[in-house]
Amino acid sequence: MMNEFKSLSVQYLTGTVQISKPASPNSVTLDSPASEVMTDLRKLHAAVIAPNITMEVANNYMMHRGVRSLLVMNSDDSLAGIITAGDILGEKPMRFIQERGVKHSEILVRDMMTSLENLEAIPLEEVAHARVGNIAASLREADRLHQLVIDYDASGLPKICGIFSWTQIEKQLGTIIPRNNVAKSFAEIESTLIAS
């Protein structure tokens, strides 16, 4: 089996040799390619959870993984929805408790998630030409903290291949982006960033 592969050529090291360092997270700007801030699910395993798990377990899992959203998967491995830290920690659970008369510990992921029918995704081909500023403007305009990215497999079936996160974008930019909907254009967001 190994004889199918040809060995690679090598060279001897001489003189001054440096070691590569990863780019600092702040090397990303609003004009950087959008792919630089996308969590690429073709390279990383998605943080997923089942719809019948309690909301408290989902919250603990998010904290353990260091993420602020989980993709909710049906038993057949198809997407059911998404649940975010905002869904769990916001006022949504309190309203649900009042409406249904259940205990906090009885609330399930399916009760708090945004279901598939209410999700939107950006086509991967759009992302290929987009800048970080375009993604920030899209998230702000939609008043969302997360945005899914979709691609299609060889048979034409849709697959979620990436996620954009407001928090991740801010972390990589090294600054807070105002979330109000006053400034919507790329230029307006950029001028806000320059001012801060």
Protein backbone atom coordinates (compact mmCIF):
# COMPACT_ATOMS: atom_id res chain seq x y z
CA MET A 1 0.00 0.00 0.00
CA MET A 2 2.82 2.45 0.87
CA ASN A 3 4.51 1.92 -2.51
CA GLU A 4 1.67 3.95 -4.07
CA PHE A 5 3.22 7.10 -2.58
CA LYS A 6 6.42 8.80 -3.71
CA SER A 7 8.64 10.24 -0.98
CA LEU A 8 9.11 14.01 -0.89
CA SER A 9 12.38 15.78 -1.57
CA VAL A 10 14.17 17.37 1.40
CA GLN A 11 16.80 20.04 1.84
CA TYR A 12 19.49 20.53 4.46
CA LEU A 13 19.04 23.48 6.82
CA THR A 14 21.84 26.06 6.90
CA GLY A 15 22.29 29.64 7.98
CA THR A 16 19.56 31.45 9.91
CA VAL A 17 16.26 29.57 10.07
CA GLN A 18 13.14 31.11 11.60
CA ILE A 19 10.05 29.33 12.94
CA SER A 20 6.61 30.28 11.62
CA LYS A 21 4.21 31.86 14.07
CA PRO A 22 0.45 31.96 13.66
CA ALA A 23 -0.93 35.34 12.67
CA SER A 24 -2.19 37.25 15.68
CA PRO A 25 -5.99 37.27 15.95
CA ASN A 26 -5.93 41.03 15.48
CA SER A 27 -4.47 40.71 11.99
CA VAL A 28 -8.06 40.43 10.72
CA THR A 29 -9.69 43.65 9.50
CA LEU A 30 -13.13 44.44 8.11
CA ASP A 31 -11.56 44.20 4.66
CA SER A 32 -10.13 40.68 5.28
CA PRO A 33 -11.73 37.76 3.43
CA ALA A 34 -14.84 36.55 5.28
CA SER A 35 -13.45 33.01 5.34
CA GLU A 36 -10.87 34.16 7.92
CA VAL A 37 -13.60 34.53 10.57
CA MET A 38 -15.78 31.56 9.55
CA THR A 39 -15.81 28.44 11.68
CA ASP A 40 -15.26 25.96 8.86
CA LEU A 41 -17.17 22.76 9.60
CA ARG A 42 -15.29 21.02 6.79
CA LYS A 43 -12.19 21.30 9.02
CA LEU A 44 -13.62 21.30 12.57
CA HIS A 45 -16.29 19.15 14.17
CA ALA A 46 -19.48 21.09 14.81
CA ALA A 47 -20.70 21.45 18.38
CA VAL A 48 -24.00 19.55 18.23
CA ILE A 49 -26.73 18.44 20.61
CA ALA A 50 -29.99 16.48 20.44
CA PRO A 51 -33.36 18.28 20.74
CA ASN A 52 -34.51 16.19 23.73
CA ILE A 53 -31.59 17.19 25.99
CA THR A 54 -32.31 19.64 28.81
CA MET A 55 -31.45 23.28 28.31
CA GLU A 56 -29.19 23.16 31.41
CA VAL A 57 -27.11 20.32 29.92
CA ALA A 58 -26.87 22.31 26.66
CA ASN A 59 -25.64 25.37 28.56
CA ASN A 60 -23.00 23.32 30.40
CA TYR A 61 -21.89 21.75 27.12
CA MET A 62 -21.51 25.20 25.52
CA MET A 63 -19.38 26.39 28.43
CA HIS A 64 -17.28 23.19 28.29
CA ARG A 65 -16.70 23.57 24.52
CA GLY A 66 -16.17 27.34 24.76
CA VAL A 67 -18.90 28.06 22.20
CA ARG A 68 -22.02 30.21 22.24
CA SER A 69 -24.18 28.09 19.93
CA LEU A 70 -24.95 24.43 19.24
CA LEU A 71 -26.40 22.89 16.11
CA VAL A 72 -29.40 20.78 17.11
CA MET A 73 -29.40 17.46 15.28
CA ASN A 74 -32.24 14.98 14.72
CA SER A 75 -31.62 11.26 15.28
CA ASP A 76 -31.08 10.85 11.49
CA ASP A 77 -28.21 13.40 11.62
CA SER A 78 -30.27 16.09 9.88
CA LEU A 79 -30.37 19.65 11.19
CA ALA A 80 -33.30 20.42 13.50
CA GLY A 81 -32.23 23.95 14.44
CA ILE A 82 -29.75 25.99 16.44
CA ILE A 83 -29.66 26.95 20.11
CA THR A 84 -27.57 29.85 21.35
CA ALA A 85 -26.38 31.09 24.71
CA GLY A 86 -28.84 33.97 24.24
CA ASP A 87 -31.72 31.50 23.90
CA ILE A 88 -30.71 29.85 27.18
CA LEU A 89 -29.64 32.86 29.23
CA GLY A 90 -32.10 35.43 27.90
CA GLU A 91 -35.76 35.98 28.79
CA LYS A 92 -37.03 33.17 26.52
CA PRO A 93 -36.87 30.46 29.26
CA MET A 94 -38.75 32.66 31.75
CA ARG A 95 -41.56 33.28 29.24
CA PHE A 96 -41.69 29.54 28.51
CA ILE A 97 -41.95 28.71 32.24
CA GLN A 98 -44.81 31.21 32.65
CA GLU A 99 -46.67 29.99 29.54
CA ARG A 100 -46.26 26.24 30.14
CA GLY A 101 -46.01 26.04 33.92
CA VAL A 102 -42.86 23.90 33.82
CA LYS A 103 -39.74 23.95 35.96
CA HIS A 104 -36.54 25.50 34.64
CA SER A 105 -34.85 22.09 34.80
CA GLU A 106 -37.57 20.58 32.55
CA ILE A 107 -36.99 22.90 29.59
CA LEU A 108 -35.56 21.01 26.62
CA VAL A 109 -33.34 22.22 23.78
CA ARG A 110 -36.27 21.83 21.33
CA ASP A 111 -38.30 24.29 23.46
CA MET A 112 -35.70 27.07 23.14
CA MET A 113 -34.01 26.43 19.78
CA THR A 114 -34.61 28.31 16.56
CA SER A 115 -36.05 25.59 14.34
CA LEU A 116 -34.83 24.79 10.83
CA GLU A 117 -37.80 26.54 9.18
CA ASN A 118 -36.74 29.83 10.81
CA LEU A 119 -33.05 29.60 9.89
CA GLU A 120 -31.30 31.30 7.03
CA ALA A 121 -27.90 30.48 5.58
CA ILE A 122 -25.45 32.32 3.35
CA PRO A 123 -24.36 30.29 0.31
CA LEU A 124 -20.65 29.40 0.44
CA GLU A 125 -20.16 30.98 -2.99
CA GLU A 126 -21.28 34.34 -1.51
CA VAL A 127 -18.77 33.94 1.33
CA ALA A 128 -15.98 33.34 -1.21
CA HIS A 129 -16.34 36.95 -2.42
CA ALA A 130 -17.33 38.56 0.89
CA ARG A 131 -15.27 40.55 3.37
CA VAL A 132 -15.50 40.45 7.17
CA GLY A 133 -17.36 43.79 7.02
CA ASN A 134 -20.05 42.24 4.81
CA ILE A 135 -20.61 39.48 7.38
CA ALA A 136 -20.74 41.98 10.27
CA ALA A 137 -23.23 44.13 8.33
CA SER A 138 -25.38 41.06 7.52
CA LEU A 139 -25.43 39.89 11.15
CA ARG A 140 -26.28 43.39 12.38
CA GLU A 141 -29.03 43.91 9.81
CA ALA A 142 -30.61 40.54 10.67
CA ASP A 143 -30.08 41.30 14.39
CA ARG A 144 -28.36 37.91 14.86
CA LEU A 145 -25.23 36.75 16.64
CA HIS A 146 -24.74 33.68 14.43
CA GLN A 147 -25.12 32.99 10.72
CA LEU A 148 -24.91 29.59 9.06
CA VAL A 149 -23.13 28.97 5.76
CA ILE A 150 -24.48 26.38 3.31
CA ASP A 151 -22.95 24.41 0.48
CA TYR A 152 -24.21 21.47 -1.58
CA ASP A 153 -22.77 17.97 -1.86
CA ALA A 154 -22.19 16.17 -5.16
CA SER A 155 -25.82 15.01 -5.28
CA GLY A 156 -27.12 18.56 -4.70
CA LEU A 157 -28.14 18.07 -1.06
CA PRO A 158 -27.61 21.10 1.22
CA LYS A 159 -24.98 20.87 3.96
CA ILE A 160 -24.12 23.39 6.65
CA CYS A 161 -20.39 23.94 6.09
CA GLY A 162 -19.69 26.94 8.31
CA ILE A 163 -20.85 29.33 11.00
CA PHE A 164 -20.15 33.00 11.55
CA SER A 165 -20.26 34.22 15.14
CA TRP A 166 -20.47 37.88 16.19
CA THR A 167 -18.31 37.09 19.24
CA GLN A 168 -15.66 35.36 17.11
CA ILE A 169 -15.56 38.28 14.66
CA GLU A 170 -15.10 40.77 17.52
CA LYS A 171 -12.39 38.56 19.04
CA GLN A 172 -10.47 38.36 15.75
CA LEU A 173 -10.90 42.08 15.03
CA GLY A 174 -9.76 42.86 18.58
CA THR A 175 -12.61 45.31 19.15
CA ILE A 176 -16.29 45.53 20.07
CA ILE A 177 -18.64 46.23 17.16
CA PRO A 178 -21.74 48.22 18.20
CA ARG A 179 -24.82 46.02 17.78
CA ASN A 180 -27.48 48.64 17.22
CA ASN A 181 -28.98 48.86 13.77
CA VAL A 182 -28.04 52.50 13.24
CA ALA A 183 -24.94 51.89 11.12
CA LYS A 184 -25.64 49.26 8.48
CA SER A 185 -23.20 49.78 5.66
CA PHE A 186 -19.68 48.43 5.50
CA ALA A 187 -18.33 52.02 5.51
CA GLU A 188 -20.39 52.97 8.57
CA ILE A 189 -19.18 49.92 10.53
CA GLU A 190 -15.61 50.67 9.48
CA SER A 191 -15.87 54.30 10.61
CA THR A 192 -17.28 53.11 13.96
CA LEU A 193 -14.31 50.77 14.36
CA ILE A 194 -11.78 53.46 13.46
CA ALA A 195 -13.34 55.80 16.00
CA SER A 196 -13.07 53.24 18.82
